[in-house]
């Protein structure tokens, strides 16, 4: 039964780390350029850019928190699986 719920923590951690790296690369690329027509869309483009920058700062914080938690959760899963396997085998 335990095999049905088993995950491979190193593989999960690698996948989560790769996802975080990809998100960080997108943020590092900067805000997308908006086509600006001075008469009609300059105010919108400025507001959109400001919103993107504010969101990017928050997302960067979440990315780092996710990376920090990835290592802790993978280690916790490994130890819990080992403990459960020992308990179930007796």
PDB file of N, CA and C in Angstrom:
ATOM      1  N   UNK A   1       0.821  -1.197   0.000  1.00  0.00           N
ATOM      2  CA  UNK A   1       0.000   0.000   0.000  1.00  0.00           C
ATOM      3  C   UNK A   1       0.867   1.264   0.000  1.00  0.00           C
ATOM      4  N   UNK A   2       1.936   1.247   0.780  1.00  0.00           N
ATOM      5  CA  UNK A   2       2.743   2.463   0.893  1.00  0.00           C
ATOM      6  C   UNK A   2       3.386   2.852  -0.431  1.00  0.00           C
ATOM      7  N   UNK A   3       3.609   1.881  -1.354  1.00  0.00           N
ATOM      8  CA  UNK A   3       4.225   2.203  -2.635  1.00  0.00           C
ATOM      9  C   UNK A   3       3.329   3.105  -3.484  1.00  0.00           C
ATOM     10  N   UNK A   4       2.011   3.051  -3.266  1.00  0.00           N
ATOM     11  CA  UNK A   4       1.083   3.847  -4.052  1.00  0.00           C
ATOM     12  C   UNK A   4       1.203   5.344  -3.741  1.00  0.00           C
ATOM     13  N   UNK A   5       1.661   5.665  -2.565  1.00  0.00           N
ATOM     14  CA  UNK A   5       1.744   7.055  -2.157  1.00  0.00           C
ATOM     15  C   UNK A   5       3.181   7.556  -2.095  1.00  0.00           C
ATOM     16  N   UNK A   6       4.106   6.706  -2.451  1.00  0.00           N
ATOM     17  CA  UNK A   6       5.514   7.052  -2.336  1.00  0.00           C
ATOM     18  C   UNK A   6       5.916   8.079  -3.399  1.00  0.00           C
ATOM     19  N   UNK A   7       6.738   9.024  -2.996  1.00  0.00           N
ATOM     20  CA  UNK A   7       7.333   9.955  -3.943  1.00  0.00           C
ATOM     21  C   UNK A   7       8.839   9.833  -3.813  1.00  0.00           C
ATOM     22  N   UNK A   8       9.531  10.276  -4.799  1.00  0.00           N
ATOM     23  CA  UNK A   8      10.981  10.276  -4.743  1.00  0.00           C
ATOM     24  C   UNK A   8      11.409  11.694  -4.385  1.00  0.00           C
ATOM     25  N   UNK A   9      11.746  11.927  -3.123  1.00  0.00           N
ATOM     26  CA  UNK A   9      12.059  13.292  -2.697  1.00  0.00           C
ATOM     27  C   UNK A   9      13.141  13.993  -3.513  1.00  0.00           C
ATOM     28  N   UNK A  10      14.240  13.317  -3.886  1.00  0.00           N
ATOM     29  CA  UNK A  10      15.239  14.036  -4.690  1.00  0.00           C
ATOM     30  C   UNK A  10      14.676  14.501  -6.040  1.00  0.00           C
ATOM     31  N   UNK A  11      13.853  13.654  -6.671  1.00  0.00           N
ATOM     32  CA  UNK A  11      13.255  14.047  -7.948  1.00  0.00           C
ATOM     33  C   UNK A  11      12.256  15.189  -7.766  1.00  0.00           C
ATOM     34  N   UNK A  12      11.454  15.110  -6.708  1.00  0.00           N
ATOM     35  CA  UNK A  12      10.501  16.184  -6.429  1.00  0.00           C
ATOM     36  C   UNK A  12      11.238  17.488  -6.143  1.00  0.00           C
ATOM     37  N   UNK A  13      12.291  17.415  -5.345  1.00  0.00           N
ATOM     38  CA  UNK A  13      13.075  18.611  -5.028  1.00  0.00           C
ATOM     39  C   UNK A  13      13.715  19.185  -6.289  1.00  0.00           C
ATOM     40  N   UNK A  14      14.211  18.315  -7.155  1.00  0.00           N
ATOM     41  CA  UNK A  14      14.823  18.791  -8.402  1.00  0.00           C
ATOM     42  C   UNK A  14      13.789  19.484  -9.283  1.00  0.00           C
ATOM     43  N   UNK A  15      12.596  18.923  -9.355  1.00  0.00           N
ATOM     44  CA  UNK A  15      11.529  19.542 -10.153  1.00  0.00           C
ATOM     45  C   UNK A  15      11.111  20.891  -9.598  1.00  0.00           C
ATOM     46  N   UNK A  16      10.968  20.978  -8.284  1.00  0.00           N
ATOM     47  CA  UNK A  16      10.597  22.241  -7.655  1.00  0.00           C
ATOM     48  C   UNK A  16      11.694  23.288  -7.827  1.00  0.00           C
ATOM     49  N   UNK A  17      12.944  22.868  -7.721  1.00  0.00           N
ATOM     50  CA  UNK A  17      14.061  23.788  -7.892  1.00  0.00           C
ATOM     51  C   UNK A  17      14.126  24.295  -9.332  1.00  0.00           C
ATOM     52  N   UNK A  18      13.894  23.407 -10.291  1.00  0.00           N
ATOM     53  CA  UNK A  18      13.891  23.806 -11.698  1.00  0.00           C
ATOM     54  C   UNK A  18      12.757  24.790 -11.977  1.00  0.00           C
ATOM     55  N   UNK A  19      11.589  24.548 -11.401  1.00  0.00           N
ATOM     56  CA  UNK A  19      10.469  25.474 -11.579  1.00  0.00           C
ATOM     57  C   UNK A  19      10.804  26.843 -11.002  1.00  0.00           C
ATOM     58  N   UNK A  20      11.434  26.874  -9.848  1.00  0.00           N
ATOM     59  CA  UNK A  20      11.825  28.149  -9.242  1.00  0.00           C
ATOM     60  C   UNK A  20      12.862  28.865 -10.101  1.00  0.00           C
ATOM     61  N   UNK A  21      13.808  28.106 -10.655  1.00  0.00           N
ATOM     62  CA  UNK A  21      14.828  28.702 -11.516  1.00  0.00           C
ATOM     63  C   UNK A  21      14.185  29.336 -12.746  1.00  0.00           C
ATOM     64  N   UNK A  22      13.219  28.646 -13.327  1.00  0.00           N
ATOM     65  CA  UNK A  22      12.524  29.168 -14.504  1.00  0.00           C
ATOM     66  C   UNK A  22      11.777  30.451 -14.165  1.00  0.00           C
ATOM     67  N   UNK A  23      11.098  30.454 -13.024  1.00  0.00           N
ATOM     68  CA  UNK A  23      10.376  31.666 -12.618  1.00  0.00           C
ATOM     69  C   UNK A  23      11.339  32.824 -12.374  1.00  0.00           C
ATOM     70  N   UNK A  24      12.469  32.528 -11.762  1.00  0.00           N
ATOM     71  CA  UNK A  24      13.458  33.580 -11.507  1.00  0.00           C
ATOM     72  C   UNK A  24      14.000  34.148 -12.814  1.00  0.00           C
ATOM     73  N   UNK A  25      14.198  33.294 -13.826  1.00  0.00           N
ATOM     74  CA  UNK A  25      14.671  33.763 -15.121  1.00  0.00           C
ATOM     75  C   UNK A  25      13.652  34.694 -15.782  1.00  0.00           C
ATOM     76  N   UNK A  26      12.382  34.345 -15.651  1.00  0.00           N
ATOM     77  CA  UNK A  26      11.331  35.196 -16.220  1.00  0.00           C
ATOM     78  C   UNK A  26      11.347  36.565 -15.540  1.00  0.00           C
ATOM     79  N   UNK A  27      11.475  36.572 -14.230  1.00  0.00           N
ATOM     80  CA  UNK A  27      11.533  37.850 -13.512  1.00  0.00           C
ATOM     81  C   UNK A  27      12.765  38.657 -13.905  1.00  0.00           C
ATOM     82  N   UNK A  28      13.897  37.973 -14.062  1.00  0.00           N
ATOM     83  CA  UNK A  28      15.134  38.667 -14.410  1.00  0.00           C
ATOM     84  C   UNK A  28      15.060  39.295 -15.799  1.00  0.00           C
ATOM     85  N   UNK A  29      14.231  38.735 -16.661  1.00  0.00           N
ATOM     86  CA  UNK A  29      14.085  39.285 -18.014  1.00  0.00           C
ATOM     87  C   UNK A  29      13.414  40.652 -17.983  1.00  0.00           C
ATOM     88  N   UNK A  30      12.741  40.964 -16.899  1.00  0.00           N
ATOM     89  CA  UNK A  30      12.111  42.280 -16.767  1.00  0.00           C
ATOM     90  C   UNK A  30      10.692  42.319 -17.289  1.00  0.00           C
ATOM     91  N   UNK A  31      10.093  43.468 -17.103  1.00  0.00           N
ATOM     92  CA  UNK A  31       8.706  43.659 -17.515  1.00  0.00           C
ATOM     93  C   UNK A  31       8.586  43.625 -19.031  1.00  0.00           C
ATOM     94  N   UNK A  32       7.522  43.033 -19.517  1.00  0.00           N
ATOM     95  CA  UNK A  32       7.332  43.034 -20.969  1.00  0.00           C
ATOM     96  C   UNK A  32       7.096  44.463 -21.471  1.00  0.00           C
ATOM     97  N   UNK A  33       7.503  44.705 -22.680  1.00  0.00           N
ATOM     98  CA  UNK A  33       7.306  46.026 -23.271  1.00  0.00           C
ATOM     99  C   UNK A  33       5.874  46.149 -23.787  1.00  0.00           C
ATOM    100  N   UNK A  34       5.233  47.204 -23.419  1.00  0.00           N
ATOM    101  CA  UNK A  34       3.883  47.461 -23.893  1.00  0.00           C
ATOM    102  C   UNK A  34       3.952  48.425 -25.068  1.00  0.00           C
ATOM    103  N   UNK A  35       3.176  48.161 -26.102  1.00  0.00           N
ATOM    104  CA  UNK A  35       3.132  49.138 -27.189  1.00  0.00           C
ATOM    105  C   UNK A  35       2.441  50.400 -26.653  1.00  0.00           C
ATOM    106  N   UNK A  36       3.088  51.517 -26.820  1.00  0.00           N
ATOM    107  CA  UNK A  36       2.560  52.750 -26.238  1.00  0.00           C
ATOM    108  C   UNK A  36       2.211  53.755 -27.324  1.00  0.00           C
ATOM    109  N   UNK A  37       0.986  54.159 -27.288  1.00  0.00           N
ATOM    110  CA  UNK A  37       0.535  55.269 -28.120  1.00  0.00           C
ATOM    111  C   UNK A  37       0.367  56.435 -27.152  1.00  0.00           C
ATOM    112  N   UNK A  38       1.150  57.484 -27.292  1.00  0.00           N
ATOM    113  CA  UNK A  38       1.133  58.566 -26.313  1.00  0.00           C
ATOM    114  C   UNK A  38      -0.258  59.132 -26.032  1.00  0.00           C
ATOM    115  N   UNK A  39      -1.113  59.103 -27.018  1.00  0.00           N
ATOM    116  CA  UNK A  39      -2.427  59.708 -26.820  1.00  0.00           C
ATOM    117  C   UNK A  39      -3.386  58.784 -26.082  1.00  0.00           C
ATOM    118  N   UNK A  40      -3.275  57.491 -26.313  1.00  0.00           N
ATOM    119  CA  UNK A  40      -4.297  56.595 -25.781  1.00  0.00           C
ATOM    120  C   UNK A  40      -3.824  55.643 -24.685  1.00  0.00           C
ATOM    121  N   UNK A  41      -2.612  55.161 -24.775  1.00  0.00           N
ATOM    122  CA  UNK A  41      -2.247  54.070 -23.869  1.00  0.00           C
ATOM    123  C   UNK A  41      -1.065  54.346 -22.950  1.00  0.00           C
ATOM    124  N   UNK A  42      -0.521  55.535 -22.964  1.00  0.00           N
ATOM    125  CA  UNK A  42       0.653  55.823 -22.136  1.00  0.00           C
ATOM    126  C   UNK A  42       0.346  55.663 -20.649  1.00  0.00           C
ATOM    127  N   UNK A  43      -0.789  56.169 -20.197  1.00  0.00           N
ATOM    128  CA  UNK A  43      -1.153  56.043 -18.785  1.00  0.00           C
ATOM    129  C   UNK A  43      -1.359  54.576 -18.402  1.00  0.00           C
ATOM    130  N   UNK A  44      -2.038  53.841 -19.282  1.00  0.00           N
ATOM    131  CA  UNK A  44      -2.250  52.414 -19.009  1.00  0.00           C
ATOM    132  C   UNK A  44      -0.927  51.671 -18.959  1.00  0.00           C
ATOM    133  N   UNK A  45      -0.046  51.940 -19.915  1.00  0.00           N
ATOM    134  CA  UNK A  45       1.246  51.255 -19.947  1.00  0.00           C
ATOM    135  C   UNK A  45       2.058  51.566 -18.699  1.00  0.00           C
ATOM    136  N   UNK A  46       2.024  52.805 -18.244  1.00  0.00           N
ATOM    137  CA  UNK A  46       2.754  53.168 -17.029  1.00  0.00           C
ATOM    138  C   UNK A  46       2.182  52.448 -15.812  1.00  0.00           C
ATOM    139  N   UNK A  47       0.864  52.409 -15.724  1.00  0.00           N
ATOM    140  CA  UNK A  47       0.221  51.717 -14.593  1.00  0.00           C
ATOM    141  C   UNK A  47       0.495  50.213 -14.651  1.00  0.00           C
ATOM    142  N   UNK A  48       0.420  49.636 -15.836  1.00  0.00           N
ATOM    143  CA  UNK A  48       0.682  48.199 -15.981  1.00  0.00           C
ATOM    144  C   UNK A  48       2.125  47.873 -15.618  1.00  0.00           C
ATOM    145  N   UNK A  49       3.045  48.700 -16.058  1.00  0.00           N
ATOM    146  CA  UNK A  49       4.456  48.480 -15.743  1.00  0.00           C
ATOM    147  C   UNK A  49       4.695  48.581 -14.234  1.00  0.00           C
ATOM    148  N   UNK A  50       4.120  49.575 -13.595  1.00  0.00           N
ATOM    149  CA  UNK A  50       4.268  49.730 -12.143  1.00  0.00           C
ATOM    150  C   UNK A  50       3.678  48.524 -11.412  1.00  0.00           C
ATOM    151  N   UNK A  51       2.536  48.064 -11.866  1.00  0.00           N
ATOM    152  CA  UNK A  51       1.922  46.880 -11.256  1.00  0.00           C
ATOM    153  C   UNK A  51       2.774  45.639 -11.433  1.00  0.00           C
ATOM    154  N   UNK A  52       3.343  45.487 -12.627  1.00  0.00           N
ATOM    155  CA  UNK A  52       4.198  44.334 -12.888  1.00  0.00           C
ATOM    156  C   UNK A  52       5.416  44.365 -11.975  1.00  0.00           C
ATOM    157  N   UNK A  53       6.019  45.535 -11.833  1.00  0.00           N
ATOM    158  CA  UNK A  53       7.215  45.650 -10.994  1.00  0.00           C
ATOM    159  C   UNK A  53       6.898  45.351  -9.533  1.00  0.00           C
ATOM    160  N   UNK A  54       5.767  45.831  -9.056  1.00  0.00           N
ATOM    161  CA  UNK A  54       5.377  45.555  -7.671  1.00  0.00           C
ATOM    162  C   UNK A  54       5.119  44.062  -7.483  1.00  0.00           C
ATOM    163  N   UNK A  55       4.456  43.455  -8.442  1.00  0.00           N
ATOM    164  CA  UNK A  55       4.190  42.019  -8.353  1.00  0.00           C
ATOM    165  C   UNK A  55       5.474  41.214  -8.453  1.00  0.00           C
ATOM    166  N   UNK A  56       6.408  41.664  -9.282  1.00  0.00           N
ATOM    167  CA  UNK A  56       7.665  40.944  -9.454  1.00  0.00           C
ATOM    168  C   UNK A  56       8.441  40.880  -8.147  1.00  0.00           C
ATOM    169  N   UNK A  57       8.426  41.953  -7.397  1.00  0.00           N
ATOM    170  CA  UNK A  57       9.126  41.954  -6.110  1.00  0.00           C
ATOM    171  C   UNK A  57       8.499  40.946  -5.154  1.00  0.00           C
ATOM    172  N   UNK A  58       7.186  40.882  -5.143  1.00  0.00           N
ATOM    173  CA  UNK A  58       6.494  39.924  -4.271  1.00  0.00           C
ATOM    174  C   UNK A  58       6.751  38.492  -4.729  1.00  0.00           C
ATOM    175  N   UNK A  59       6.696  38.261  -6.031  1.00  0.00           N
ATOM    176  CA  UNK A  59       6.937  36.921  -6.568  1.00  0.00           C
ATOM    177  C   UNK A  59       8.357  36.463  -6.251  1.00  0.00           C
ATOM    178  N   UNK A  60       9.329  37.352  -6.341  1.00  0.00           N
ATOM    179  CA  UNK A  60      10.708  36.994  -6.018  1.00  0.00           C
ATOM    180  C   UNK A  60      10.822  36.510  -4.579  1.00  0.00           C
ATOM    181  N   UNK A  61      10.097  37.140  -3.684  1.00  0.00           N
ATOM    182  CA  UNK A  61      10.082  36.714  -2.282  1.00  0.00           C
ATOM    183  C   UNK A  61       9.480  35.316  -2.153  1.00  0.00           C
ATOM    184  N   UNK A  62       8.409  35.067  -2.878  1.00  0.00           N
ATOM    185  CA  UNK A  62       7.767  33.741  -2.836  1.00  0.00           C
ATOM    186  C   UNK A  62       8.664  32.663  -3.436  1.00  0.00           C
ATOM    187  N   UNK A  63       9.375  33.006  -4.499  1.00  0.00           N
ATOM    188  CA  UNK A  63      10.291  32.042  -5.117  1.00  0.00           C
ATOM    189  C   UNK A  63      11.354  31.620  -4.104  1.00  0.00           C
ATOM    190  N   UNK A  64      11.932  32.582  -3.427  1.00  0.00           N
ATOM    191  CA  UNK A  64      12.972  32.262  -2.448  1.00  0.00           C
ATOM    192  C   UNK A  64      12.411  31.439  -1.294  1.00  0.00           C
ATOM    193  N   UNK A  65      11.225  31.787  -0.830  1.00  0.00           N
ATOM    194  CA  UNK A  65      10.604  31.019   0.252  1.00  0.00           C
ATOM    195  C   UNK A  65      10.334  29.581  -0.198  1.00  0.00           C
ATOM    196  N   UNK A  66       9.910  29.422  -1.444  1.00  0.00           N
ATOM    197  CA  UNK A  66       9.672  28.083  -1.969  1.00  0.00           C
ATOM    198  C   UNK A  66      10.952  27.270  -2.053  1.00  0.00           C
ATOM    199  N   UNK A  67      12.026  27.907  -2.481  1.00  0.00           N
ATOM    200  CA  UNK A  67      13.316  27.209  -2.532  1.00  0.00           C
ATOM    201  C   UNK A  67      13.767  26.791  -1.136  1.00  0.00           C
ATOM    202  N   UNK A  68      13.600  27.687  -0.172  1.00  0.00           N
ATOM    203  CA  UNK A  68      13.977  27.359   1.205  1.00  0.00           C
ATOM    204  C   UNK A  68      13.166  26.182   1.730  1.00  0.00           C
ATOM    205  N   UNK A  69      11.878  26.161   1.412  1.00  0.00           N
ATOM    206  CA  UNK A  69      10.996  25.112   1.915  1.00  0.00           C
ATOM    207  C   UNK A  69      11.199  23.791   1.188  1.00  0.00           C
ATOM    208  N   UNK A  70      11.652  23.828  -0.062  1.00  0.00           N
ATOM    209  CA  UNK A  70      11.836  22.598  -0.845  1.00  0.00           C
ATOM    210  C   UNK A  70      12.772  21.626  -0.141  1.00  0.00           C
ATOM    211  N   UNK A  71      13.914  22.107   0.292  1.00  0.00           N
ATOM    212  CA  UNK A  71      14.867  21.227   0.973  1.00  0.00           C
ATOM    213  C   UNK A  71      14.313  20.666   2.259  1.00  0.00           C
ATOM    214  N   UNK A  72      13.638  21.492   3.024  1.00  0.00           N
ATOM    215  CA  UNK A  72      13.059  21.030   4.291  1.00  0.00           C
ATOM    216  C   UNK A  72      11.985  19.987   4.056  1.00  0.00           C
ATOM    217  N   UNK A  73      11.118  20.220   3.068  1.00  0.00           N
ATOM    218  CA  UNK A  73      10.015  19.284   2.853  1.00  0.00           C
ATOM    219  C   UNK A  73      10.511  17.958   2.291  1.00  0.00           C
ATOM    220  N   UNK A  74      11.500  17.989   1.387  1.00  0.00           N
ATOM    221  CA  UNK A  74      12.032  16.739   0.846  1.00  0.00           C
ATOM    222  C   UNK A  74      12.664  15.909   1.958  1.00  0.00           C
ATOM    223  N   UNK A  75      13.395  16.538   2.839  1.00  0.00           N
ATOM    224  CA  UNK A  75      14.010  15.827   3.966  1.00  0.00           C
ATOM    225  C   UNK A  75      12.950  15.262   4.895  1.00  0.00           C
ATOM    226  N   UNK A  76      11.916  16.045   5.168  1.00  0.00           N
ATOM    227  CA  UNK A  76      10.841  15.583   6.050  1.00  0.00           C
ATOM    228  C   UNK A  76      10.105  14.388   5.449  1.00  0.00           C
ATOM    229  N   UNK A  77       9.860  14.432   4.139  1.00  0.00           N
ATOM    230  CA  UNK A  77       9.167  13.319   3.489  1.00  0.00           C
ATOM    231  C   UNK A  77      10.018  12.057   3.554  1.00  0.00           C
ATOM    232  N   UNK A  78      11.299  12.180   3.288  1.00  0.00           N
ATOM    233  CA  UNK A  78      12.178  11.009   3.332  1.00  0.00           C
ATOM    234  C   UNK A  78      12.173  10.365   4.715  1.00  0.00           C
ATOM    235  N   UNK A  79      12.313  11.176   5.750  1.00  0.00           N
ATOM    236  CA  UNK A  79      12.354  10.601   7.098  1.00  0.00           C
ATOM    237  C   UNK A  79      11.008  10.023   7.493  1.00  0.00           C
ATOM    238  N   UNK A  80       9.919  10.667   7.098  1.00  0.00           N
ATOM    239  CA  UNK A  80       8.583  10.148   7.411  1.00  0.00           C
ATOM    240  C   UNK A  80       8.328   8.840   6.678  1.00  0.00           C
ATOM    241  N   UNK A  81       8.733   8.761   5.405  1.00  0.00           N
ATOM    242  CA  UNK A  81       8.556   7.520   4.652  1.00  0.00           C
ATOM    243  C   UNK A  81       9.352   6.378   5.286  1.00  0.00           C
ATOM    244  N   UNK A  82      10.577   6.658   5.691  1.00  0.00           N
ATOM    245  CA  UNK A  82      11.404   5.625   6.320  1.00  0.00           C
ATOM    246  C   UNK A  82      10.767   5.156   7.630  1.00  0.00           C
ATOM    247  N   UNK A  83      10.269   6.106   8.403  1.00  0.00           N
ATOM    248  CA  UNK A  83       9.630   5.741   9.678  1.00  0.00           C
ATOM    249  C   UNK A  83       8.361   4.932   9.453  1.00  0.00           C
ATOM    250  N   UNK A  84       7.553   5.358   8.486  1.00  0.00           N
ATOM    251  CA  UNK A  84       6.316   4.625   8.186  1.00  0.00           C
ATOM    252  C   UNK A  84       6.606   3.235   7.631  1.00  0.00           C
ATOM    253  N   UNK A  85       7.619   3.124   6.770  1.00  0.00           N
ATOM    254  CA  UNK A  85       7.977   1.817   6.223  1.00  0.00           C
ATOM    255  C   UNK A  85       8.407   0.886   7.332  1.00  0.00           C
ATOM    256  N   UNK A  86       9.162   1.404   8.306  1.00  0.00           N
ATOM    257  CA  UNK A  86       9.590   0.588   9.429  1.00  0.00           C
ATOM    258  C   UNK A  86       8.396   0.157  10.267  1.00  0.00           C
ATOM    259  N   UNK A  87       7.466   1.081  10.499  1.00  0.00           N
ATOM    260  CA  UNK A  87       6.277   0.757  11.288  1.00  0.00           C
ATOM    261  C   UNK A  87       5.384  -0.255  10.587  1.00  0.00           C
ATOM    262  N   UNK A  88       5.237  -0.118   9.283  1.00  0.00           N
ATOM    263  CA  UNK A  88       4.359  -1.014   8.538  1.00  0.00           C
ATOM    264  C   UNK A  88       4.972  -2.396   8.330  1.00  0.00           C
ATOM    265  N   UNK A  89       6.275  -2.485   8.409  1.00  0.00           N
ATOM    266  CA  UNK A  89       6.923  -3.781   8.181  1.00  0.00           C
ATOM    267  C   UNK A  89       6.910  -4.673   9.413  1.00  0.00           C
ATOM    268  N   UNK A  90       6.534  -4.120  10.556  1.00  0.00           N
ATOM    269  CA  UNK A  90       6.511  -4.936  11.773  1.00  0.00           C
ATOM    270  C   UNK A  90       5.154  -5.515  12.034  1.00  0.00           C
TER     271      UNK A  90
END
